[in-house]
Amino acid sequence: MEVSAVQSGRRIELEAKIKSLEEEKTKLQSEIVNIKEMLATASLEKKAKDLETEVTQLKAVKSNLENQNQGKPASDNSKQPTTIQTAQQVKQSGTIQPVRYGTYSKLSLS
């Protein structure tokens, strides 16, 4: 009898432990899903903010180019100067845009 009672007690104890662990597992899985959603949202918010900054910079460049173009004949459009980024623009965008210079085809290569 004693062995049967011990086995029965052990079985009840193990079933309770299994139930508790399954509940904790379900809770942790739910929390993981919520955390992943938060991270994805934060990533999207950062991307949206970066794009907003970039769009604002592009609008400023466009406005500057339009202001420079006012009062000039239409034939001068191809000779617009290259825009050089300021240190603050580079810091905000996180990238440096290349500056294009003219080519010197008459220089000798020797």
PDB file of N, CA and C in Angstrom:
ATOM      1  N   MET A   1       0.803  -1.185   0.000  1.00  0.00           N
ATOM      2  CA  MET A   1       0.000   0.000   0.000  1.00  0.00           C
ATOM      3  C   MET A   1       0.854   1.260   0.000  1.00  0.00           C
ATOM      4  N   GLU A   2       1.887   1.194   0.784  1.00  0.00           N
ATOM      5  CA  GLU A   2       2.737   2.357   0.938  1.00  0.00           C
ATOM      6  C   GLU A   2       3.371   2.752  -0.400  1.00  0.00           C
ATOM      7  N   VAL A   3       3.814   1.810  -1.186  1.00  0.00           N
ATOM      8  CA  VAL A   3       4.439   2.068  -2.476  1.00  0.00           C
ATOM      9  C   VAL A   3       3.418   2.688  -3.419  1.00  0.00           C
ATOM     10  N   SER A   4       2.205   2.191  -3.382  1.00  0.00           N
ATOM     11  CA  SER A   4       1.153   2.714  -4.236  1.00  0.00           C
ATOM     12  C   SER A   4       0.834   4.164  -3.880  1.00  0.00           C
ATOM     13  N   ALA A   5       0.810   4.503  -2.621  1.00  0.00           N
ATOM     14  CA  ALA A   5       0.533   5.867  -2.175  1.00  0.00           C
ATOM     15  C   ALA A   5       1.665   6.806  -2.583  1.00  0.00           C
ATOM     16  N   VAL A   6       2.898   6.325  -2.472  1.00  0.00           N
ATOM     17  CA  VAL A   6       4.059   7.130  -2.864  1.00  0.00           C
ATOM     18  C   VAL A   6       4.020   7.373  -4.376  1.00  0.00           C
ATOM     19  N   GLN A   7       3.729   6.315  -5.137  1.00  0.00           N
ATOM     20  CA  GLN A   7       3.650   6.452  -6.589  1.00  0.00           C
ATOM     21  C   GLN A   7       2.522   7.405  -6.990  1.00  0.00           C
ATOM     22  N   SER A   8       1.405   7.304  -6.322  1.00  0.00           N
ATOM     23  CA  SER A   8       0.263   8.165  -6.608  1.00  0.00           C
ATOM     24  C   SER A   8       0.594   9.622  -6.302  1.00  0.00           C
ATOM     25  N   GLY A   9       1.238   9.859  -5.172  1.00  0.00           N
ATOM     26  CA  GLY A   9       1.650  11.219  -4.794  1.00  0.00           C
ATOM     27  C   GLY A   9       2.656  11.789  -5.784  1.00  0.00           C
ATOM     28  N   ARG A  10       3.603  10.943  -6.192  1.00  0.00           N
ATOM     29  CA  ARG A  10       4.618  11.372  -7.154  1.00  0.00           C
ATOM     30  C   ARG A  10       3.969  11.711  -8.496  1.00  0.00           C
ATOM     31  N   ARG A  11       3.013  10.901  -8.905  1.00  0.00           N
ATOM     32  CA  ARG A  11       2.317  11.126 -10.173  1.00  0.00           C
ATOM     33  C   ARG A  11       1.556  12.456 -10.141  1.00  0.00           C
ATOM     34  N   ILE A  12       0.835  12.733  -9.053  1.00  0.00           N
ATOM     35  CA  ILE A  12       0.088  13.996  -8.919  1.00  0.00           C
ATOM     36  C   ILE A  12       1.049  15.183  -8.939  1.00  0.00           C
ATOM     37  N   GLU A  13       2.170  15.019  -8.269  1.00  0.00           N
ATOM     38  CA  GLU A  13       3.180  16.077  -8.226  1.00  0.00           C
ATOM     39  C   GLU A  13       3.730  16.352  -9.625  1.00  0.00           C
ATOM     40  N   LEU A  14       4.044  15.303 -10.384  1.00  0.00           N
ATOM     41  CA  LEU A  14       4.573  15.462 -11.736  1.00  0.00           C
ATOM     42  C   LEU A  14       3.542  16.077 -12.679  1.00  0.00           C
ATOM     43  N   GLU A  15       2.276  15.674 -12.550  1.00  0.00           N
ATOM     44  CA  GLU A  15       1.229  16.239 -13.392  1.00  0.00           C
ATOM     45  C   GLU A  15       1.054  17.731 -13.119  1.00  0.00           C
ATOM     46  N   ALA A  16       1.134  18.119 -11.853  1.00  0.00           N
ATOM     47  CA  ALA A  16       1.026  19.529 -11.497  1.00  0.00           C
ATOM     48  C   ALA A  16       2.217  20.314 -12.062  1.00  0.00           C
ATOM     49  N   LYS A  17       3.404  19.734 -11.985  1.00  0.00           N
ATOM     50  CA  LYS A  17       4.606  20.386 -12.502  1.00  0.00           C
ATOM     51  C   LYS A  17       4.510  20.551 -14.020  1.00  0.00           C
ATOM     52  N   ILE A  18       4.038  19.498 -14.704  1.00  0.00           N
ATOM     53  CA  ILE A  18       3.885  19.548 -16.167  1.00  0.00           C
ATOM     54  C   ILE A  18       2.884  20.627 -16.557  1.00  0.00           C
ATOM     55  N   LYS A  19       1.759  20.694 -15.839  1.00  0.00           N
ATOM     56  CA  LYS A  19       0.743  21.709 -16.136  1.00  0.00           C
ATOM     57  C   LYS A  19       1.306  23.105 -15.931  1.00  0.00           C
ATOM     58  N   SER A  20       2.049  23.295 -14.848  1.00  0.00           N
ATOM     59  CA  SER A  20       2.647  24.596 -14.559  1.00  0.00           C
ATOM     60  C   SER A  20       3.645  24.990 -15.655  1.00  0.00           C
ATOM     61  N   LEU A  21       4.479  24.040 -16.069  1.00  0.00           N
ATOM     62  CA  LEU A  21       5.478  24.321 -17.107  1.00  0.00           C
ATOM     63  C   LEU A  21       4.818  24.611 -18.455  1.00  0.00           C
ATOM     64  N   GLU A  22       3.750  23.907 -18.783  1.00  0.00           N
ATOM     65  CA  GLU A  22       3.039  24.168 -20.038  1.00  0.00           C
ATOM     66  C   GLU A  22       2.414  25.562 -20.037  1.00  0.00           C
ATOM     67  N   GLU A  23       1.859  25.979 -18.892  1.00  0.00           N
ATOM     68  CA  GLU A  23       1.293  27.328 -18.782  1.00  0.00           C
ATOM     69  C   GLU A  23       2.380  28.385 -18.925  1.00  0.00           C
ATOM     70  N   GLU A  24       3.525  28.146 -18.293  1.00  0.00           N
ATOM     71  CA  GLU A  24       4.640  29.090 -18.394  1.00  0.00           C
ATOM     72  C   GLU A  24       5.162  29.158 -19.830  1.00  0.00           C
ATOM     73  N   LYS A  25       5.222  28.001 -20.496  1.00  0.00           N
ATOM     74  CA  LYS A  25       5.669  27.954 -21.889  1.00  0.00           C
ATOM     75  C   LYS A  25       4.746  28.783 -22.775  1.00  0.00           C
ATOM     76  N   THR A  26       3.441  28.609 -22.614  1.00  0.00           N
ATOM     77  CA  THR A  26       2.459  29.350 -23.402  1.00  0.00           C
ATOM     78  C   THR A  26       2.595  30.852 -23.151  1.00  0.00           C
ATOM     79  N   LYS A  27       2.770  31.213 -21.886  1.00  0.00           N
ATOM     80  CA  LYS A  27       2.923  32.631 -21.531  1.00  0.00           C
ATOM     81  C   LYS A  27       4.186  33.208 -22.169  1.00  0.00           C
ATOM     82  N   LEU A  28       5.294  32.474 -22.091  1.00  0.00           N
ATOM     83  CA  LEU A  28       6.554  32.951 -22.673  1.00  0.00           C
ATOM     84  C   LEU A  28       6.452  33.080 -24.196  1.00  0.00           C
ATOM     85  N   GLN A  29       5.793  32.137 -24.854  1.00  0.00           N
ATOM     86  CA  GLN A  29       5.622  32.224 -26.297  1.00  0.00           C
ATOM     87  C   GLN A  29       4.811  33.459 -26.675  1.00  0.00           C
ATOM     88  N   SER A  30       3.791  33.741 -25.889  1.00  0.00           N
ATOM     89  CA  SER A  30       2.968  34.926 -26.136  1.00  0.00           C
ATOM     90  C   SER A  30       3.786  36.204 -25.950  1.00  0.00           C
ATOM     91  N   GLU A  31       4.596  36.240 -24.895  1.00  0.00           N
ATOM     92  CA  GLU A  31       5.439  37.413 -24.639  1.00  0.00           C
ATOM     93  C   GLU A  31       6.470  37.601 -25.735  1.00  0.00           C
ATOM     94  N   ILE A  32       7.011  36.497 -26.242  1.00  0.00           N
ATOM     95  CA  ILE A  32       7.996  36.570 -27.331  1.00  0.00           C
ATOM     96  C   ILE A  32       7.365  37.168 -28.582  1.00  0.00           C
ATOM     97  N   VAL A  33       6.151  36.753 -28.902  1.00  0.00           N
ATOM     98  CA  VAL A  33       5.442  37.309 -30.062  1.00  0.00           C
ATOM     99  C   VAL A  33       5.248  38.810 -29.874  1.00  0.00           C
ATOM    100  N   ASN A  34       4.844  39.234 -28.669  1.00  0.00           N
ATOM    101  CA  ASN A  34       4.640  40.660 -28.399  1.00  0.00           C
ATOM    102  C   ASN A  34       5.936  41.451 -28.526  1.00  0.00           C
ATOM    103  N   ILE A  35       7.022  40.890 -28.027  1.00  0.00           N
ATOM    104  CA  ILE A  35       8.322  41.571 -28.106  1.00  0.00           C
ATOM    105  C   ILE A  35       8.767  41.699 -29.562  1.00  0.00           C
ATOM    106  N   LYS A  36       8.570  40.636 -30.354  1.00  0.00           N
ATOM    107  CA  LYS A  36       8.935  40.693 -31.777  1.00  0.00           C
ATOM    108  C   LYS A  36       8.125  41.765 -32.501  1.00  0.00           C
ATOM    109  N   GLU A  37       6.847  41.892 -32.165  1.00  0.00           N
ATOM    110  CA  GLU A  37       6.006  42.925 -32.779  1.00  0.00           C
ATOM    111  C   GLU A  37       6.495  44.316 -32.395  1.00  0.00           C
ATOM    112  N   MET A  38       6.887  44.483 -31.121  1.00  0.00           N
ATOM    113  CA  MET A  38       7.413  45.779 -30.678  1.00  0.00           C
ATOM    114  C   MET A  38       8.687  46.134 -31.432  1.00  0.00           C
ATOM    115  N   LEU A  39       9.578  45.153 -31.598  1.00  0.00           N
ATOM    116  CA  LEU A  39      10.834  45.398 -32.308  1.00  0.00           C
ATOM    117  C   LEU A  39      10.581  45.745 -33.776  1.00  0.00           C
ATOM    118  N   ALA A  40       9.644  45.039 -34.388  1.00  0.00           N
ATOM    119  CA  ALA A  40       9.319  45.325 -35.783  1.00  0.00           C
ATOM    120  C   ALA A  40       8.739  46.726 -35.923  1.00  0.00           C
ATOM    121  N   THR A  41       7.877  47.107 -34.983  1.00  0.00           N
ATOM    122  CA  THR A  41       7.286  48.449 -35.008  1.00  0.00           C
ATOM    123  C   THR A  41       8.364  49.503 -34.818  1.00  0.00           C
ATOM    124  N   ALA A  42       9.276  49.263 -33.870  1.00  0.00           N
ATOM    125  CA  ALA A  42      10.357  50.223 -33.634  1.00  0.00           C
ATOM    126  C   ALA A  42      11.233  50.365 -34.870  1.00  0.00           C
ATOM    127  N   SER A  43      11.491  49.260 -35.538  1.00  0.00           N
ATOM    128  CA  SER A  43      12.291  49.296 -36.757  1.00  0.00           C
ATOM    129  C   SER A  43      11.590  50.094 -37.852  1.00  0.00           C
ATOM    130  N   LEU A  44      10.286  49.896 -37.985  1.00  0.00           N
ATOM    131  CA  LEU A  44       9.522  50.645 -38.984  1.00  0.00           C
ATOM    132  C   LEU A  44       9.484  52.134 -38.645  1.00  0.00           C
ATOM    133  N   GLU A  45       9.361  52.447 -37.348  1.00  0.00           N
ATOM    134  CA  GLU A  45       9.351  53.855 -36.940  1.00  0.00           C
ATOM    135  C   GLU A  45      10.675  54.520 -37.272  1.00  0.00           C
ATOM    136  N   LYS A  46      11.794  53.820 -37.032  1.00  0.00           N
ATOM    137  CA  LYS A  46      13.113  54.376 -37.338  1.00  0.00           C
ATOM    138  C   LYS A  46      13.260  54.591 -38.840  1.00  0.00           C
ATOM    139  N   LYS A  47      12.818  53.608 -39.617  1.00  0.00           N
ATOM    140  CA  LYS A  47      12.905  53.729 -41.072  1.00  0.00           C
ATOM    141  C   LYS A  47      12.065  54.903 -41.565  1.00  0.00           C
ATOM    142  N   ALA A  48      10.852  55.057 -41.009  1.00  0.00           N
ATOM    143  CA  ALA A  48       9.982  56.167 -41.404  1.00  0.00           C
ATOM    144  C   ALA A  48      10.631  57.500 -41.052  1.00  0.00           C
ATOM    145  N   LYS A  49      11.242  57.589 -39.877  1.00  0.00           N
ATOM    146  CA  LYS A  49      11.893  58.840 -39.461  1.00  0.00           C
ATOM    147  C   LYS A  49      13.070  59.157 -40.382  1.00  0.00           C
ATOM    148  N   ASP A  50      13.873  58.127 -40.707  1.00  0.00           N
ATOM    149  CA  ASP A  50      15.008  58.333 -41.609  1.00  0.00           C
ATOM    150  C   ASP A  50      14.532  58.796 -42.989  1.00  0.00           C
ATOM    151  N   LEU A  51      13.470  58.185 -43.488  1.00  0.00           N
ATOM    152  CA  LEU A  51      12.938  58.584 -44.794  1.00  0.00           C
ATOM    153  C   LEU A  51      12.378  60.000 -44.754  1.00  0.00           C
ATOM    154  N   GLU A  52      11.735  60.356 -43.642  1.00  0.00           N
ATOM    155  CA  GLU A  52      11.233  61.727 -43.490  1.00  0.00           C
ATOM    156  C   GLU A  52      12.367  62.733 -43.583  1.00  0.00           C
ATOM    157  N   THR A  53      13.457  62.431 -42.890  1.00  0.00           N
ATOM    158  CA  THR A  53      14.626  63.315 -42.915  1.00  0.00           C
ATOM    159  C   THR A  53      15.186  63.416 -44.321  1.00  0.00           C
ATOM    160  N   GLU A  54      15.283  62.282 -44.991  1.00  0.00           N
ATOM    161  CA  GLU A  54      15.818  62.269 -46.349  1.00  0.00           C
ATOM    162  C   GLU A  54      14.929  63.063 -47.303  1.00  0.00           C
ATOM    163  N   VAL A  55      13.609  62.897 -47.179  1.00  0.00           N
ATOM    164  CA  VAL A  55      12.672  63.633 -48.031  1.00  0.00           C
ATOM    165  C   VAL A  55      12.787  65.126 -47.769  1.00  0.00           C
ATOM    166  N   THR A  56      12.913  65.508 -46.503  1.00  0.00           N
ATOM    167  CA  THR A  56      13.068  66.923 -46.157  1.00  0.00           C
ATOM    168  C   THR A  56      14.328  67.492 -46.794  1.00  0.00           C
ATOM    169  N   GLN A  57      15.417  66.732 -46.739  1.00  0.00           N
ATOM    170  CA  GLN A  57      16.670  67.186 -47.350  1.00  0.00           C
ATOM    171  C   GLN A  57      16.526  67.319 -48.862  1.00  0.00           C
ATOM    172  N   LEU A  58      15.864  66.350 -49.473  1.00  0.00           N
ATOM    173  CA  LEU A  58      15.675  66.417 -50.923  1.00  0.00           C
ATOM    174  C   LEU A  58      14.804  67.604 -51.323  1.00  0.00           C
ATOM    175  N   LYS A  59      13.792  67.894 -50.527  1.00  0.00           N
ATOM    176  CA  LYS A  59      12.959  69.066 -50.803  1.00  0.00           C
ATOM    177  C   LYS A  59      13.773  70.343 -50.703  1.00  0.00           C
ATOM    178  N   ALA A  60      14.668  70.410 -49.701  1.00  0.00           N
ATOM    179  CA  ALA A  60      15.517  71.592 -49.548  1.00  0.00           C
ATOM    180  C   ALA A  60      16.448  71.741 -50.743  1.00  0.00           C
ATOM    181  N   VAL A  61      17.032  70.639 -51.195  1.00  0.00           N
ATOM    182  CA  VAL A  61      17.921  70.690 -52.357  1.00  0.00           C
ATOM    183  C   VAL A  61      17.149  71.132 -53.590  1.00  0.00           C
ATOM    184  N   LYS A  62      15.956  70.569 -53.767  1.00  0.00           N
ATOM    185  CA  LYS A  62      15.124  70.945 -54.915  1.00  0.00           C
ATOM    186  C   LYS A  62      14.796  72.435 -54.865  1.00  0.00           C
ATOM    187  N   SER A  63      14.421  72.911 -53.697  1.00  0.00           N
ATOM    188  CA  SER A  63      14.092  74.321 -53.538  1.00  0.00           C
ATOM    189  C   SER A  63      15.295  75.203 -53.851  1.00  0.00           C
ATOM    190  N   ASN A  64      16.468  74.810 -53.363  1.00  0.00           N
ATOM    191  CA  ASN A  64      17.692  75.578 -53.636  1.00  0.00           C
ATOM    192  C   ASN A  64      17.993  75.604 -55.130  1.00  0.00           C
ATOM    193  N   LEU A  65      17.841  74.455 -55.773  1.00  0.00           N
ATOM    194  CA  LEU A  65      18.104  74.399 -57.217  1.00  0.00           C
ATOM    195  C   LEU A  65      17.106  75.244 -57.995  1.00  0.00           C
ATOM    196  N   GLU A  66      15.846  75.206 -57.581  1.00  0.00           N
ATOM    197  CA  GLU A  66      14.841  76.033 -58.246  1.00  0.00           C
ATOM    198  C   GLU A  66      15.126  77.512 -58.045  1.00  0.00           C
ATOM    199  N   ASN A  67      15.579  77.888 -56.847  1.00  0.00           N
ATOM    200  CA  ASN A  67      15.910  79.290 -56.576  1.00  0.00           C
ATOM    201  C   ASN A  67      17.123  79.726 -57.392  1.00  0.00           C
ATOM    202  N   GLN A  68      18.100  78.842 -57.555  1.00  0.00           N
ATOM    203  CA  GLN A  68      19.278  79.164 -58.359  1.00  0.00           C
ATOM    204  C   GLN A  68      18.907  79.286 -59.827  1.00  0.00           C
ATOM    205  N   ASN A  69      17.933  78.503 -60.265  1.00  0.00           N
ATOM    206  CA  ASN A  69      17.541  78.457 -61.667  1.00  0.00           C
ATOM    207  C   ASN A  69      16.688  79.662 -62.067  1.00  0.00           C
ATOM    208  N   GLN A  70      16.076  80.329 -61.110  1.00  0.00           N
ATOM    209  CA  GLN A  70      15.226  81.481 -61.443  1.00  0.00           C
ATOM    210  C   GLN A  70      16.071  82.601 -62.033  1.00  0.00           C
ATOM    211  N   GLY A  71      15.584  83.155 -63.122  1.00  0.00           N
ATOM    212  CA  GLY A  71      16.281  84.268 -63.752  1.00  0.00           C
ATOM    213  C   GLY A  71      17.328  83.843 -64.760  1.00  0.00           C
ATOM    214  N   LYS A  72      17.578  82.549 -64.898  1.00  0.00           N
ATOM    215  CA  LYS A  72      18.559  82.073 -65.877  1.00  0.00           C
ATOM    216  C   LYS A  72      17.825  81.563 -67.103  1.00  0.00           C
ATOM    217  N   PRO A  73      18.419  81.684 -68.283  1.00  0.00           N
ATOM    218  CA  PRO A  73      17.808  81.153 -69.496  1.00  0.00           C
ATOM    219  C   PRO A  73      17.712  79.626 -69.440  1.00  0.00           C
ATOM    220  N   ALA A  74      16.784  79.072 -70.184  1.00  0.00           N
ATOM    221  CA  ALA A  74      16.554  77.628 -70.177  1.00  0.00           C
ATOM    222  C   ALA A  74      17.762  76.854 -70.687  1.00  0.00           C
ATOM    223  N   SER A  75      18.603  77.468 -71.510  1.00  0.00           N
ATOM    224  CA  SER A  75      19.756  76.759 -72.070  1.00  0.00           C
ATOM    225  C   SER A  75      20.835  76.496 -71.023  1.00  0.00           C
ATOM    226  N   ASP A  76      20.798  77.185 -69.895  1.00  0.00           N
ATOM    227  CA  ASP A  76      21.808  77.010 -68.853  1.00  0.00           C
ATOM    228  C   ASP A  76      21.475  75.866 -67.894  1.00  0.00           C
ATOM    229  N   ASN A  77      20.358  75.178 -68.078  1.00  0.00           N
ATOM    230  CA  ASN A  77      19.953  74.119 -67.155  1.00  0.00           C
ATOM    231  C   ASN A  77      20.967  72.987 -67.076  1.00  0.00           C
ATOM    232  N   SER A  78      21.654  72.698 -68.187  1.00  0.00           N
ATOM    233  CA  SER A  78      22.611  71.597 -68.188  1.00  0.00           C
ATOM    234  C   SER A  78      23.890  71.955 -67.449  1.00  0.00           C
ATOM    235  N   LYS A  79      24.102  73.227 -67.129  1.00  0.00           N
ATOM    236  CA  LYS A  79      25.339  73.665 -66.478  1.00  0.00           C
ATOM    237  C   LYS A  79      25.133  73.995 -65.003  1.00  0.00           C
ATOM    238  N   GLN A  80      24.158  73.357 -64.352  1.00  0.00           N
ATOM    239  CA  GLN A  80      23.914  73.633 -62.942  1.00  0.00           C
ATOM    240  C   GLN A  80      25.058  73.061 -62.109  1.00  0.00           C
ATOM    241  N   PRO A  81      25.462  73.786 -61.065  1.00  0.00           N
ATOM    242  CA  PRO A  81      26.578  73.305 -60.229  1.00  0.00           C
ATOM    243  C   PRO A  81      26.166  72.082 -59.410  1.00  0.00           C
ATOM    244  N   THR A  82      27.152  71.281 -59.067  1.00  0.00           N
ATOM    245  CA  THR A  82      26.923  70.095 -58.242  1.00  0.00           C
ATOM    246  C   THR A  82      26.685  70.535 -56.803  1.00  0.00           C
ATOM    247  N   THR A  83      25.703  69.920 -56.143  1.00  0.00           N
ATOM    248  CA  THR A  83      25.411  70.228 -54.754  1.00  0.00           C
ATOM    249  C   THR A  83      26.373  69.448 -53.867  1.00  0.00           C
ATOM    250  N   ILE A  84      27.035  70.134 -52.958  1.00  0.00           N
ATOM    251  CA  ILE A  84      27.952  69.486 -52.025  1.00  0.00           C
ATOM    252  C   ILE A  84      27.273  69.424 -50.672  1.00  0.00           C
ATOM    253  N   GLN A  85      27.309  68.258 -50.032  1.00  0.00           N
ATOM    254  CA  GLN A  85      26.652  68.081 -48.746  1.00  0.00           C
ATOM    255  C   GLN A  85      27.455  68.757 -47.638  1.00  0.00           C
ATOM    256  N   THR A  86      26.725  69.342 -46.719  1.00  0.00           N
ATOM    257  CA  THR A  86      27.369  69.909 -45.544  1.00  0.00           C
ATOM    258  C   THR A  86      27.606  68.797 -44.536  1.00  0.00           C
ATOM    259  N   ALA A  87      28.425  69.060 -43.539  1.00  0.00           N
ATOM    260  CA  ALA A  87      28.708  68.060 -42.503  1.00  0.00           C
ATOM    261  C   ALA A  87      27.436  67.675 -41.769  1.00  0.00           C
ATOM    262  N   GLN A  88      26.553  68.618 -41.548  1.00  0.00           N
ATOM    263  CA  GLN A  88      25.311  68.321 -40.838  1.00  0.00           C
ATOM    264  C   GLN A  88      24.422  67.404 -41.663  1.00  0.00           C
ATOM    265  N   GLN A  89      24.346  67.617 -42.984  1.00  0.00           N
ATOM    266  CA  GLN A  89      23.542  66.753 -43.840  1.00  0.00           C
ATOM    267  C   GLN A  89      24.098  65.340 -43.846  1.00  0.00           C
ATOM    268  N   VAL A  90      25.430  65.205 -43.878  1.00  0.00           N
ATOM    269  CA  VAL A  90      26.053  63.888 -43.867  1.00  0.00           C
ATOM    270  C   VAL A  90      25.744  63.188 -42.554  1.00  0.00           C
ATOM    271  N   LYS A  91      25.820  63.920 -41.450  1.00  0.00           N
ATOM    272  CA  LYS A  91      25.551  63.339 -40.134  1.00  0.00           C
ATOM    273  C   LYS A  91      24.103  62.874 -40.049  1.00  0.00           C
ATOM    274  N   GLN A  92      23.159  63.652 -40.571  1.00  0.00           N
ATOM    275  CA  GLN A  92      21.745  63.301 -40.495  1.00  0.00           C
ATOM    276  C   GLN A  92      21.418  62.110 -41.387  1.00  0.00           C
ATOM    277  N   SER A  93      21.939  62.090 -42.596  1.00  0.00           N
ATOM    278  CA  SER A  93      21.579  61.017 -43.524  1.00  0.00           C
ATOM    279  C   SER A  93      22.385  59.757 -43.275  1.00  0.00           C
ATOM    280  N   GLY A  94      23.558  59.891 -42.691  1.00  0.00           N
ATOM    281  CA  GLY A  94      24.382  58.726 -42.409  1.00  0.00           C
ATOM    282  C   GLY A  94      25.164  58.242 -43.617  1.00  0.00           C
ATOM    283  N   THR A  95      25.029  58.898 -44.761  1.00  0.00           N
ATOM    284  CA  THR A  95      25.771  58.482 -45.951  1.00  0.00           C
ATOM    285  C   THR A  95      26.375  59.704 -46.621  1.00  0.00           C
ATOM    286  N   ILE A  96      27.436  59.477 -47.328  1.00  0.00           N
ATOM    287  CA  ILE A  96      28.082  60.549 -48.081  1.00  0.00           C
ATOM    288  C   ILE A  96      27.794  60.297 -49.548  1.00  0.00           C
ATOM    289  N   GLN A  97      27.224  61.278 -50.201  1.00  0.00           N
ATOM    290  CA  GLN A  97      26.924  61.155 -51.622  1.00  0.00           C
ATOM    291  C   GLN A  97      28.160  61.565 -52.418  1.00  0.00           C
ATOM    292  N   PRO A  98      28.486  60.834 -53.466  1.00  0.00           N
ATOM    293  CA  PRO A  98      29.668  61.180 -54.254  1.00  0.00           C
ATOM    294  C   PRO A  98      29.450  62.487 -55.020  1.00  0.00           C
ATOM    295  N   VAL A  99      30.527  63.228 -55.162  1.00  0.00           N
ATOM    296  CA  VAL A  99      30.504  64.457 -55.941  1.00  0.00           C
ATOM    297  C   VAL A  99      31.073  64.118 -57.313  1.00  0.00           C
ATOM    298  N   ARG A 100      30.356  64.495 -58.343  1.00  0.00           N
ATOM    299  CA  ARG A 100      30.804  64.181 -59.695  1.00  0.00           C
ATOM    300  C   ARG A 100      31.535  65.380 -60.281  1.00  0.00           C
ATOM    301  N   TYR A 101      32.710  65.104 -60.809  1.00  0.00           N
ATOM    302  CA  TYR A 101      33.509  66.140 -61.439  1.00  0.00           C
ATOM    303  C   TYR A 101      33.593  65.844 -62.931  1.00  0.00           C
ATOM    304  N   GLY A 102      33.973  66.838 -63.692  1.00  0.00           N
ATOM    305  CA  GLY A 102      34.137  66.654 -65.131  1.00  0.00           C
ATOM    306  C   GLY A 102      35.329  65.771 -65.447  1.00  0.00           C
ATOM    307  N   THR A 103      35.390  65.281 -66.649  1.00  0.00           N
ATOM    308  CA  THR A 103      36.515  64.435 -67.056  1.00  0.00           C
ATOM    309  C   THR A 103      37.486  65.265 -67.872  1.00  0.00           C
ATOM    310  N   TYR A 104      38.708  64.873 -67.848  1.00  0.00           N
ATOM    311  CA  TYR A 104      39.748  65.559 -68.592  1.00  0.00           C
ATOM    312  C   TYR A 104      40.252  64.620 -69.686  1.00  0.00           C
ATOM    313  N   SER A 105      39.575  64.616 -70.806  1.00  0.00           N
ATOM    314  CA  SER A 105      39.921  63.666 -71.866  1.00  0.00           C
ATOM    315  C   SER A 105      41.172  64.088 -72.619  1.00  0.00           C
ATOM    316  N   LYS A 106      41.638  65.333 -72.470  1.00  0.00           N
ATOM    317  CA  LYS A 106      42.798  65.809 -73.225  1.00  0.00           C
ATOM    318  C   LYS A 106      44.110  65.596 -72.465  1.00  0.00           C
ATOM    319  N   LEU A 107      44.021  65.036 -71.252  1.00  0.00           N
ATOM    320  CA  LEU A 107      45.262  64.789 -70.508  1.00  0.00           C
ATOM    321  C   LEU A 107      45.914  63.530 -71.025  1.00  0.00           C
ATOM    322  N   SER A 108      47.241  63.559 -71.115  1.00  0.00           N
ATOM    323  CA  SER A 108      47.944  62.372 -71.585  1.00  0.00           C
ATOM    324  C   SER A 108      48.067  61.370 -70.443  1.00  0.00           C
ATOM    325  N   LEU A 109      48.047  60.104 -70.771  1.00  0.00           N
ATOM    326  CA  LEU A 109      48.112  59.054 -69.769  1.00  0.00           C
ATOM    327  C   LEU A 109      49.526  58.560 -69.533  1.00  0.00           C
ATOM    328  N   SER A 110      50.520  59.099 -70.238  1.00  0.00           N
ATOM    329  CA  SER A 110      51.898  58.617 -70.100  1.00  0.00           C
ATOM    330  C   SER A 110      52.618  59.210 -68.937  1.00  0.00           C
TER     331      SER A 110
END
